[in-house]
Amino acid sequence: MESNTIRSSSPKSGYSATVEMFLDIDGVRHDVSHMGPEFIILAQPVNYPPCEGVVGLTVDGRLKQWPVRLPDGISQVASRVRTAKAA
């Protein structure tokens, strides 16, 4: 009789990283709920015209930040915000 059990070669550690994401525009920090290549989704959408900002990602207390352009701005009616590399 065959077994349907799937065995894992890696041990389970129970570790879960603490992750925080944000978008800073002119000193105002907005929480980011999702992030992907060339887009972010804000936890609370706001209206902004096209501008530049800084995306921040903190994983277990280690902060990484990078400048971005928001070529389409931000709209409260569209959840996905397109980002591009800042000049």
PDB file of N, CA and C in Angstrom:
ATOM      1  N   MET A   1       0.844  -1.168   0.000  1.00  0.00           N
ATOM      2  CA  MET A   1       0.000   0.000   0.000  1.00  0.00           C
ATOM      3  C   MET A   1       0.892   1.234   0.000  1.00  0.00           C
ATOM      4  N   GLU A   2       0.571   2.219  -0.865  1.00  0.00           N
ATOM      5  CA  GLU A   2       1.356   3.437  -0.956  1.00  0.00           C
ATOM      6  C   GLU A   2       0.859   4.463   0.055  1.00  0.00           C
ATOM      7  N   SER A   3       1.781   5.283   0.514  1.00  0.00           N
ATOM      8  CA  SER A   3       1.435   6.336   1.459  1.00  0.00           C
ATOM      9  C   SER A   3       1.254   7.649   0.718  1.00  0.00           C
ATOM     10  N   ASN A   4       0.315   8.477   1.128  1.00  0.00           N
ATOM     11  CA  ASN A   4       0.101   9.799   0.554  1.00  0.00           C
ATOM     12  C   ASN A   4       0.827  10.872   1.344  1.00  0.00           C
ATOM     13  N   THR A   5       1.708  10.511   2.230  1.00  0.00           N
ATOM     14  CA  THR A   5       2.424  11.464   3.063  1.00  0.00           C
ATOM     15  C   THR A   5       3.539  12.129   2.263  1.00  0.00           C
ATOM     16  N   ILE A   6       3.614  13.455   2.351  1.00  0.00           N
ATOM     17  CA  ILE A   6       4.701  14.204   1.720  1.00  0.00           C
ATOM     18  C   ILE A   6       5.692  14.538   2.815  1.00  0.00           C
ATOM     19  N   ARG A   7       6.933  14.181   2.588  1.00  0.00           N
ATOM     20  CA  ARG A   7       7.974  14.436   3.583  1.00  0.00           C
ATOM     21  C   ARG A   7       8.776  15.670   3.194  1.00  0.00           C
ATOM     22  N   SER A   8       9.081  16.464   4.179  1.00  0.00           N
ATOM     23  CA  SER A   8       9.875  17.657   3.966  1.00  0.00           C
ATOM     24  C   SER A   8      11.294  17.406   4.444  1.00  0.00           C
ATOM     25  N   SER A   9      12.260  17.825   3.631  1.00  0.00           N
ATOM     26  CA  SER A   9      13.648  17.639   4.029  1.00  0.00           C
ATOM     27  C   SER A   9      14.144  18.766   4.919  1.00  0.00           C
ATOM     28  N   SER A  10      13.361  19.860   5.023  1.00  0.00           N
ATOM     29  CA  SER A  10      13.791  20.963   5.875  1.00  0.00           C
ATOM     30  C   SER A  10      12.991  20.968   7.166  1.00  0.00           C
ATOM     31  N   PRO A  11      13.651  21.224   8.275  1.00  0.00           N
ATOM     32  CA  PRO A  11      12.942  21.232   9.551  1.00  0.00           C
ATOM     33  C   PRO A  11      12.046  22.468   9.663  1.00  0.00           C
ATOM     34  N   LYS A  12      10.991  22.361  10.428  1.00  0.00           N
ATOM     35  CA  LYS A  12      10.099  23.495  10.670  1.00  0.00           C
ATOM     36  C   LYS A  12      10.641  24.287  11.856  1.00  0.00           C
ATOM     37  N   SER A  13      10.898  25.556  11.614  1.00  0.00           N
ATOM     38  CA  SER A  13      11.497  26.373  12.669  1.00  0.00           C
ATOM     39  C   SER A  13      10.460  27.166  13.452  1.00  0.00           C
ATOM     40  N   GLY A  14       9.286  27.403  12.868  1.00  0.00           N
ATOM     41  CA  GLY A  14       8.292  28.210  13.549  1.00  0.00           C
ATOM     42  C   GLY A  14       8.613  29.692  13.513  1.00  0.00           C
ATOM     43  N   TYR A  15       9.595  30.107  12.737  1.00  0.00           N
ATOM     44  CA  TYR A  15      10.026  31.496  12.653  1.00  0.00           C
ATOM     45  C   TYR A  15       9.151  32.273  11.684  1.00  0.00           C
ATOM     46  N   SER A  16       8.757  33.464  12.075  1.00  0.00           N
ATOM     47  CA  SER A  16       7.998  34.356  11.213  1.00  0.00           C
ATOM     48  C   SER A  16       8.622  35.738  11.311  1.00  0.00           C
ATOM     49  N   ALA A  17       9.006  36.294  10.169  1.00  0.00           N
ATOM     50  CA  ALA A  17       9.665  37.597  10.146  1.00  0.00           C
ATOM     51  C   ALA A  17       8.656  38.709  10.430  1.00  0.00           C
ATOM     52  N   THR A  18       9.127  39.776  11.058  1.00  0.00           N
ATOM     53  CA  THR A  18       8.326  40.973  11.254  1.00  0.00           C
ATOM     54  C   THR A  18       8.602  41.887  10.068  1.00  0.00           C
ATOM     55  N   VAL A  19       7.552  42.205   9.314  1.00  0.00           N
ATOM     56  CA  VAL A  19       7.706  42.982   8.079  1.00  0.00           C
ATOM     57  C   VAL A  19       6.825  44.216   8.137  1.00  0.00           C
ATOM     58  N   GLU A  20       7.399  45.363   7.784  1.00  0.00           N
ATOM     59  CA  GLU A  20       6.659  46.619   7.673  1.00  0.00           C
ATOM     60  C   GLU A  20       7.021  47.258   6.340  1.00  0.00           C
ATOM     61  N   MET A  21       6.016  47.827   5.660  1.00  0.00           N
ATOM     62  CA  MET A  21       6.249  48.487   4.371  1.00  0.00           C
ATOM     63  C   MET A  21       5.558  49.845   4.404  1.00  0.00           C
ATOM     64  N   PHE A  22       6.199  50.833   3.781  1.00  0.00           N
ATOM     65  CA  PHE A  22       5.594  52.161   3.746  1.00  0.00           C
ATOM     66  C   PHE A  22       6.017  52.916   2.498  1.00  0.00           C
ATOM     67  N   LEU A  23       5.249  53.959   2.200  1.00  0.00           N
ATOM     68  CA  LEU A  23       5.580  54.918   1.152  1.00  0.00           C
ATOM     69  C   LEU A  23       5.623  56.277   1.820  1.00  0.00           C
ATOM     70  N   ASP A  24       6.744  56.972   1.674  1.00  0.00           N
ATOM     71  CA  ASP A  24       6.899  58.309   2.238  1.00  0.00           C
ATOM     72  C   ASP A  24       6.829  59.320   1.098  1.00  0.00           C
ATOM     73  N   ILE A  25       5.886  60.261   1.209  1.00  0.00           N
ATOM     74  CA  ILE A  25       5.771  61.348   0.233  1.00  0.00           C
ATOM     75  C   ILE A  25       5.838  62.652   1.009  1.00  0.00           C
ATOM     76  N   ASP A  26       6.874  63.431   0.761  1.00  0.00           N
ATOM     77  CA  ASP A  26       7.057  64.730   1.426  1.00  0.00           C
ATOM     78  C   ASP A  26       6.943  64.632   2.944  1.00  0.00           C
ATOM     79  N   GLY A  27       7.517  63.583   3.528  1.00  0.00           N
ATOM     80  CA  GLY A  27       7.525  63.435   4.975  1.00  0.00           C
ATOM     81  C   GLY A  27       6.268  62.813   5.561  1.00  0.00           C
ATOM     82  N   VAL A  28       5.290  62.488   4.713  1.00  0.00           N
ATOM     83  CA  VAL A  28       4.069  61.831   5.189  1.00  0.00           C
ATOM     84  C   VAL A  28       4.177  60.348   4.850  1.00  0.00           C
ATOM     85  N   ARG A  29       4.081  59.519   5.870  1.00  0.00           N
ATOM     86  CA  ARG A  29       4.248  58.074   5.696  1.00  0.00           C
ATOM     87  C   ARG A  29       2.898  57.393   5.532  1.00  0.00           C
ATOM     88  N   HIS A  30       2.787  56.577   4.471  1.00  0.00           N
ATOM     89  CA  HIS A  30       1.571  55.827   4.171  1.00  0.00           C
ATOM     90  C   HIS A  30       1.902  54.343   4.250  1.00  0.00           C
ATOM     91  N   ASP A  31       1.084  53.578   4.974  1.00  0.00           N
ATOM     92  CA  ASP A  31       1.305  52.139   5.091  1.00  0.00           C
ATOM     93  C   ASP A  31       1.020  51.449   3.763  1.00  0.00           C
ATOM     94  N   VAL A  32       1.889  50.518   3.409  1.00  0.00           N
ATOM     95  CA  VAL A  32       1.745  49.724   2.186  1.00  0.00           C
ATOM     96  C   VAL A  32       1.301  48.324   2.595  1.00  0.00           C
ATOM     97  N   SER A  33       0.240  47.822   1.960  1.00  0.00           N
ATOM     98  CA  SER A  33      -0.247  46.480   2.299  1.00  0.00           C
ATOM     99  C   SER A  33       0.342  45.406   1.392  1.00  0.00           C
ATOM    100  N   HIS A  34       0.675  45.762   0.153  1.00  0.00           N
ATOM    101  CA  HIS A  34       1.266  44.812  -0.799  1.00  0.00           C
ATOM    102  C   HIS A  34       2.315  45.539  -1.633  1.00  0.00           C
ATOM    103  N   MET A  35       3.295  44.785  -2.073  1.00  0.00           N
ATOM    104  CA  MET A  35       4.362  45.352  -2.894  1.00  0.00           C
ATOM    105  C   MET A  35       4.771  44.315  -3.924  1.00  0.00           C
ATOM    106  N   GLY A  36       5.035  44.777  -5.126  1.00  0.00           N
ATOM    107  CA  GLY A  36       5.505  43.890  -6.182  1.00  0.00           C
ATOM    108  C   GLY A  36       6.397  44.672  -7.118  1.00  0.00           C
ATOM    109  N   PRO A  37       6.844  44.009  -8.184  1.00  0.00           N
ATOM    110  CA  PRO A  37       7.684  44.730  -9.139  1.00  0.00           C
ATOM    111  C   PRO A  37       6.887  45.841  -9.809  1.00  0.00           C
ATOM    112  N   GLU A  38       7.312  47.047  -9.617  1.00  0.00           N
ATOM    113  CA  GLU A  38       6.740  48.234 -10.247  1.00  0.00           C
ATOM    114  C   GLU A  38       5.318  48.557  -9.799  1.00  0.00           C
ATOM    115  N   PHE A  39       4.924  48.137  -8.586  1.00  0.00           N
ATOM    116  CA  PHE A  39       3.641  48.566  -8.037  1.00  0.00           C
ATOM    117  C   PHE A  39       3.633  48.405  -6.519  1.00  0.00           C
ATOM    118  N   ILE A  40       2.758  49.167  -5.890  1.00  0.00           N
ATOM    119  CA  ILE A  40       2.457  49.010  -4.470  1.00  0.00           C
ATOM    120  C   ILE A  40       0.944  49.149  -4.307  1.00  0.00           C
ATOM    121  N   ILE A  41       0.445  48.679  -3.183  1.00  0.00           N
ATOM    122  CA  ILE A  41      -0.953  48.878  -2.826  1.00  0.00           C
ATOM    123  C   ILE A  41      -0.962  49.468  -1.424  1.00  0.00           C
ATOM    124  N   LEU A  42      -1.565  50.645  -1.293  1.00  0.00           N
ATOM    125  CA  LEU A  42      -1.618  51.312   0.002  1.00  0.00           C
ATOM    126  C   LEU A  42      -2.721  50.710   0.867  1.00  0.00           C
ATOM    127  N   ALA A  43      -2.481  50.675   2.172  1.00  0.00           N
ATOM    128  CA  ALA A  43      -3.487  50.172   3.105  1.00  0.00           C
ATOM    129  C   ALA A  43      -4.705  51.097   3.115  1.00  0.00           C
ATOM    130  N   GLN A  44      -4.476  52.388   3.021  1.00  0.00           N
ATOM    131  CA  GLN A  44      -5.539  53.394   2.961  1.00  0.00           C
ATOM    132  C   GLN A  44      -5.262  54.303   1.763  1.00  0.00           C
ATOM    133  N   PRO A  45      -5.896  54.051   0.620  1.00  0.00           N
ATOM    134  CA  PRO A  45      -5.624  54.870  -0.572  1.00  0.00           C
ATOM    135  C   PRO A  45      -5.923  56.352  -0.339  1.00  0.00           C
ATOM    136  N   VAL A  46      -5.127  57.190  -0.942  1.00  0.00           N
ATOM    137  CA  VAL A  46      -5.266  58.646  -0.876  1.00  0.00           C
ATOM    138  C   VAL A  46      -5.125  59.196  -2.289  1.00  0.00           C
ATOM    139  N   ASN A  47      -5.384  60.462  -2.465  1.00  0.00           N
ATOM    140  CA  ASN A  47      -5.202  61.096  -3.766  1.00  0.00           C
ATOM    141  C   ASN A  47      -3.913  61.909  -3.774  1.00  0.00           C
ATOM    142  N   TYR A  48      -3.073  61.665  -4.764  1.00  0.00           N
ATOM    143  CA  TYR A  48      -1.846  62.435  -4.985  1.00  0.00           C
ATOM    144  C   TYR A  48      -1.642  62.563  -6.480  1.00  0.00           C
ATOM    145  N   PRO A  49      -1.156  63.702  -6.937  1.00  0.00           N
ATOM    146  CA  PRO A  49      -0.780  63.826  -8.351  1.00  0.00           C
ATOM    147  C   PRO A  49       0.535  63.077  -8.586  1.00  0.00           C
ATOM    148  N   PRO A  50       0.958  62.926  -9.830  1.00  0.00           N
ATOM    149  CA  PRO A  50       2.267  62.304 -10.083  1.00  0.00           C
ATOM    150  C   PRO A  50       3.350  63.010  -9.257  1.00  0.00           C
ATOM    151  N   CYS A  51       4.209  62.222  -8.632  1.00  0.00           N
ATOM    152  CA  CYS A  51       5.237  62.777  -7.754  1.00  0.00           C
ATOM    153  C   CYS A  51       6.320  61.735  -7.512  1.00  0.00           C
ATOM    154  N   GLU A  52       7.244  62.077  -6.626  1.00  0.00           N
ATOM    155  CA  GLU A  52       8.276  61.135  -6.205  1.00  0.00           C
ATOM    156  C   GLU A  52       8.097  60.849  -4.730  1.00  0.00           C
ATOM    157  N   GLY A  53       8.591  59.695  -4.305  1.00  0.00           N
ATOM    158  CA  GLY A  53       8.505  59.307  -2.909  1.00  0.00           C
ATOM    159  C   GLY A  53       9.601  58.311  -2.588  1.00  0.00           C
ATOM    160  N   VAL A  54       9.532  57.754  -1.400  1.00  0.00           N
ATOM    161  CA  VAL A  54      10.496  56.761  -0.953  1.00  0.00           C
ATOM    162  C   VAL A  54       9.715  55.557  -0.430  1.00  0.00           C
ATOM    163  N   VAL A  55      10.036  54.379  -0.946  1.00  0.00           N
ATOM    164  CA  VAL A  55       9.452  53.141  -0.441  1.00  0.00           C
ATOM    165  C   VAL A  55      10.401  52.582   0.608  1.00  0.00           C
ATOM    166  N   GLY A  56       9.830  52.140   1.726  1.00  0.00           N
ATOM    167  CA  GLY A  56      10.621  51.552   2.791  1.00  0.00           C
ATOM    168  C   GLY A  56      10.131  50.149   3.102  1.00  0.00           C
ATOM    169  N   LEU A  57      11.068  49.269   3.365  1.00  0.00           N
ATOM    170  CA  LEU A  57      10.766  47.882   3.725  1.00  0.00           C
ATOM    171  C   LEU A  57      11.625  47.520   4.927  1.00  0.00           C
ATOM    172  N   THR A  58      10.972  47.176   6.034  1.00  0.00           N
ATOM    173  CA  THR A  58      11.679  46.764   7.238  1.00  0.00           C
ATOM    174  C   THR A  58      11.391  45.293   7.487  1.00  0.00           C
ATOM    175  N   VAL A  59      12.436  44.487   7.571  1.00  0.00           N
ATOM    176  CA  VAL A  59      12.307  43.068   7.875  1.00  0.00           C
ATOM    177  C   VAL A  59      13.141  42.805   9.119  1.00  0.00           C
ATOM    178  N   ASP A  60      12.478  42.393  10.182  1.00  0.00           N
ATOM    179  CA  ASP A  60      13.137  42.135  11.463  1.00  0.00           C
ATOM    180  C   ASP A  60      14.033  43.289  11.899  1.00  0.00           C
ATOM    181  N   GLY A  61      13.522  44.505  11.760  1.00  0.00           N
ATOM    182  CA  GLY A  61      14.245  45.683  12.219  1.00  0.00           C
ATOM    183  C   GLY A  61      15.274  46.240  11.260  1.00  0.00           C
ATOM    184  N   ARG A  62      15.492  45.587  10.118  1.00  0.00           N
ATOM    185  CA  ARG A  62      16.481  46.074   9.137  1.00  0.00           C
ATOM    186  C   ARG A  62      15.747  46.817   8.029  1.00  0.00           C
ATOM    187  N   LEU A  63      16.003  48.117   7.935  1.00  0.00           N
ATOM    188  CA  LEU A  63      15.314  48.993   6.996  1.00  0.00           C
ATOM    189  C   LEU A  63      16.079  49.132   5.687  1.00  0.00           C
ATOM    190  N   LYS A  64      15.346  48.964   4.580  1.00  0.00           N
ATOM    191  CA  LYS A  64      15.874  49.261   3.245  1.00  0.00           C
ATOM    192  C   LYS A  64      14.916  50.262   2.628  1.00  0.00           C
ATOM    193  N   GLN A  65      15.467  51.290   1.985  1.00  0.00           N
ATOM    194  CA  GLN A  65      14.660  52.328   1.349  1.00  0.00           C
ATOM    195  C   GLN A  65      15.167  52.593  -0.056  1.00  0.00           C
ATOM    196  N   TRP A  66      14.268  52.970  -0.944  1.00  0.00           N
ATOM    197  CA  TRP A  66      14.672  53.349  -2.294  1.00  0.00           C
ATOM    198  C   TRP A  66      13.693  54.374  -2.846  1.00  0.00           C
ATOM    199  N   PRO A  67      14.226  55.334  -3.610  1.00  0.00           N
ATOM    200  CA  PRO A  67      13.369  56.369  -4.197  1.00  0.00           C
ATOM    201  C   PRO A  67      12.578  55.815  -5.374  1.00  0.00           C
ATOM    202  N   VAL A  68      11.344  56.292  -5.514  1.00  0.00           N
ATOM    203  CA  VAL A  68      10.479  55.873  -6.617  1.00  0.00           C
ATOM    204  C   VAL A  68       9.767  57.088  -7.201  1.00  0.00           C
ATOM    205  N   ARG A  69       9.360  56.942  -8.448  1.00  0.00           N
ATOM    206  CA  ARG A  69       8.450  57.898  -9.085  1.00  0.00           C
ATOM    207  C   ARG A  69       7.078  57.256  -9.110  1.00  0.00           C
ATOM    208  N   LEU A  70       6.062  58.073  -8.957  1.00  0.00           N
ATOM    209  CA  LEU A  70       4.690  57.623  -9.095  1.00  0.00           C
ATOM    210  C   LEU A  70       4.132  58.324 -10.334  1.00  0.00           C
ATOM    211  N   PRO A  71       4.400  57.766 -11.531  1.00  0.00           N
ATOM    212  CA  PRO A  71       4.089  58.464 -12.778  1.00  0.00           C
ATOM    213  C   PRO A  71       2.603  58.740 -12.988  1.00  0.00           C
ATOM    214  N   ASP A  72       1.739  57.936 -12.370  1.00  0.00           N
ATOM    215  CA  ASP A  72       0.295  58.139 -12.510  1.00  0.00           C
ATOM    216  C   ASP A  72      -0.319  58.763 -11.265  1.00  0.00           C
ATOM    217  N   GLY A  73       0.507  59.063 -10.272  1.00  0.00           N
ATOM    218  CA  GLY A  73      -0.004  59.563  -9.011  1.00  0.00           C
ATOM    219  C   GLY A  73      -0.705  58.436  -8.258  1.00  0.00           C
ATOM    220  N   ILE A  74      -1.547  58.826  -7.292  1.00  0.00           N
ATOM    221  CA  ILE A  74      -2.310  57.864  -6.489  1.00  0.00           C
ATOM    222  C   ILE A  74      -3.768  58.297  -6.511  1.00  0.00           C
ATOM    223  N   SER A  75      -4.656  57.343  -6.656  1.00  0.00           N
ATOM    224  CA  SER A  75      -6.083  57.619  -6.656  1.00  0.00           C
ATOM    225  C   SER A  75      -6.778  56.758  -5.604  1.00  0.00           C
ATOM    226  N   GLN A  76      -7.738  57.340  -4.918  1.00  0.00           N
ATOM    227  CA  GLN A  76      -8.493  56.580  -3.921  1.00  0.00           C
ATOM    228  C   GLN A  76      -9.340  55.486  -4.554  1.00  0.00           C
ATOM    229  N   VAL A  77      -9.627  55.592  -5.851  1.00  0.00           N
ATOM    230  CA  VAL A  77     -10.493  54.599  -6.501  1.00  0.00           C
ATOM    231  C   VAL A  77      -9.714  53.448  -7.126  1.00  0.00           C
ATOM    232  N   ALA A  78      -8.398  53.578  -7.263  1.00  0.00           N
ATOM    233  CA  ALA A  78      -7.572  52.507  -7.833  1.00  0.00           C
ATOM    234  C   ALA A  78      -6.641  51.983  -6.752  1.00  0.00           C
ATOM    235  N   SER A  79      -6.709  50.689  -6.474  1.00  0.00           N
ATOM    236  CA  SER A  79      -5.897  50.155  -5.382  1.00  0.00           C
ATOM    237  C   SER A  79      -4.419  50.007  -5.753  1.00  0.00           C
ATOM    238  N   ARG A  80      -4.141  49.735  -7.013  1.00  0.00           N
ATOM    239  CA  ARG A  80      -2.763  49.502  -7.451  1.00  0.00           C
ATOM    240  C   ARG A  80      -2.113  50.819  -7.863  1.00  0.00           C
ATOM    241  N   VAL A  81      -0.912  51.079  -7.328  1.00  0.00           N
ATOM    242  CA  VAL A  81      -0.171  52.312  -7.616  1.00  0.00           C
ATOM    243  C   VAL A  81       1.087  51.933  -8.394  1.00  0.00           C
ATOM    244  N   ARG A  82       1.186  52.428  -9.620  1.00  0.00           N
ATOM    245  CA  ARG A  82       2.362  52.106 -10.448  1.00  0.00           C
ATOM    246  C   ARG A  82       3.559  52.905  -9.937  1.00  0.00           C
ATOM    247  N   THR A  83       4.704  52.225  -9.799  1.00  0.00           N
ATOM    248  CA  THR A  83       5.950  52.868  -9.406  1.00  0.00           C
ATOM    249  C   THR A  83       6.976  52.684 -10.507  1.00  0.00           C
ATOM    250  N   ALA A  84       7.928  53.604 -10.546  1.00  0.00           N
ATOM    251  CA  ALA A  84       9.018  53.532 -11.507  1.00  0.00           C
ATOM    252  C   ALA A  84      10.286  53.990 -10.807  1.00  0.00           C
ATOM    253  N   LYS A  85      11.404  53.624 -11.361  1.00  0.00           N
ATOM    254  CA  LYS A  85      12.693  54.021 -10.794  1.00  0.00           C
ATOM    255  C   LYS A  85      12.830  55.531 -10.832  1.00  0.00           C
ATOM    256  N   ALA A  86      13.226  56.119  -9.704  1.00  0.00           N
ATOM    257  CA  ALA A  86      13.425  57.556  -9.640  1.00  0.00           C
ATOM    258  C   ALA A  86      14.709  57.929 -10.358  1.00  0.00           C
ATOM    259  N   ALA A  87      14.724  59.143 -10.891  1.00  0.00           N
ATOM    260  CA  ALA A  87      15.893  59.620 -11.648  1.00  0.00           C
ATOM    261  C   ALA A  87      17.088  59.841 -10.761  1.00  0.00           C
TER     262      ALA A  87
END
